[in-house]
Every structure is written in structure tokens, then in C-alpha cells.
Amino acid sequence: MAEGTSAFLHAQSDAQLALCDNGVARFQVGNDAWFVPSKHGIWIPSGRDFHLSAQTTVEIHRLYVDARTVQRMNLLQKPTVVRATPLLGGIAQRLASQGSMRLTPSEIRRLAHVAFDEIARLDHPDLRLPGGHDPRLTRVMDHLVLHPQERRSLSEIAQAFGTSERTLARLFKKETGMTFSDWRRRLRFMYAIEQLAQGETSAALSAGLGYSNPSAFIAAFRKYFGAPPSSFRDPK
């Protein structure tokens, strides 16, 4: 999928795991957005429409899981980003690129069962950016998503958008469960993940996102995700 392209995908009767083999993609499900970097995936339950946009050139493999298997194996019931294992990524690639080496139905079933076992034990990094409903809130969110390096305070942003600081603070907490500061911090880290996948350095990101030096940015990033920025670089 080429950088800058997007697609709206209709709900499926099966759940699906969309694995990002390289690049970074955003998945919009309802009002919320999930950022899916290389070697991660997103679990999408059955019956959910979603919008997919490629922030970089991205290769995605999808595995479909029927409702009976989801229930039997107690798999995830809501959209969730997962950290893919090499085994799961290999199975997805094998199923997606059979070519002249066609798999028999029994081989496909055996691979699928191994994949289901892997899905059940995957780590779930929190790469969800909550959205909102109230137009006063969504206008501000849309602006910040387009301008994650925005430095103005909540009071200044509220004034620019014709509302009050108290109203915006209340709406952020009510509709996202997060304070404005926490929501913006998460947005900036998501933006950093996208930029890291495109080769941006921690030094450049730290300056643009308001950190005093690269070490401060790296420490904050590691504290938030439990891993350094380098772990989100797209392997070539």
C-alpha cells in the first residue's frame, strides 16, 4: 500500500488480524485511531468497519478468524494493537504468498491453529488514540493530529477555537478518559513512532516535540512504551 493512500474497509463476518510487515499504518475504528508500526498488528473484531491509511509505504497481511474460534479460544473482543512474533509474521506471509507452492487444506488448517495459539498470547502495547464526539472537542483534536508539534497551551487553544479552557478540559476527560496533557503526550508519541519508521532521528524529534534534549525525549519515550525509540525503527 503506497504512502499517503487510504481505504475504507467494510465489516467482515470474521474477525481479522492485520499484520504490518513494514511501514506504519493508521486504523480508524469508530472515533478512535490505532497506530500500527512495523512488526505489529491490529485485531479487529467481526462486524466492524474501519478506515486504513498508510503513513509510509506499508505491507499488510491479514488473517481471518471465524466467530466460533474467537469464542472457543477466548480471543480479543475489541480492537487492539498487538506485537507480532516472528512465527506469526512468518505464517501470515506463507498464507498470503503461496504462489506455485499451494498449500493443501490440511496444511492451511495446521498453520491456522498455530497462528491462533500465537494470537492468544501476544503482547498488547497501548497504541490507541481515543477520539471524541462533541464538535467542540473534535475540531481541536483534528487540528492537533494535523499539527502534533503545536506548542500552545490548552487555554490558548481554547481561545483560538472559541471555547473555554474549562470546557475543553472537561470534554477531554469525559470523552477520552484522559486529561488534555496526557492525550497530547500520547498523540506526540504516536507521531514519533510514524517519524521513526521514516528514518527520523531522536534528536530531531526531541526538538520538534518540545524536549530539552534527545536524552529527555528517549527517557520519556522509554518510560511510556517500555522500549527505546530505536525499537520502532522500520527494519530494512
Foldseek 3Di string as FASTA:
>chain_A
DAAFDKDKAFFDQWKKKKAWQAAWKWKAWPFKIFIAHHQKIKIAGGGTIIMMHGNHDIDIFMDTHHPVLCVVLVADDHIFMFRHDPLLVVLRVCVVPCDPVDDDPVRNVVSVVVNSVRRSPTDTFPRMQFGFDDPLQNVLVVVCLVPLLDDDDLQVSQVVSVHGSVVNQVRCCVGVVDGPVVNSVSSLLSVLLNVLQVPDDLQVSCVSNPHPGSVVSQVVSCVRGVDGSNVSHTDD
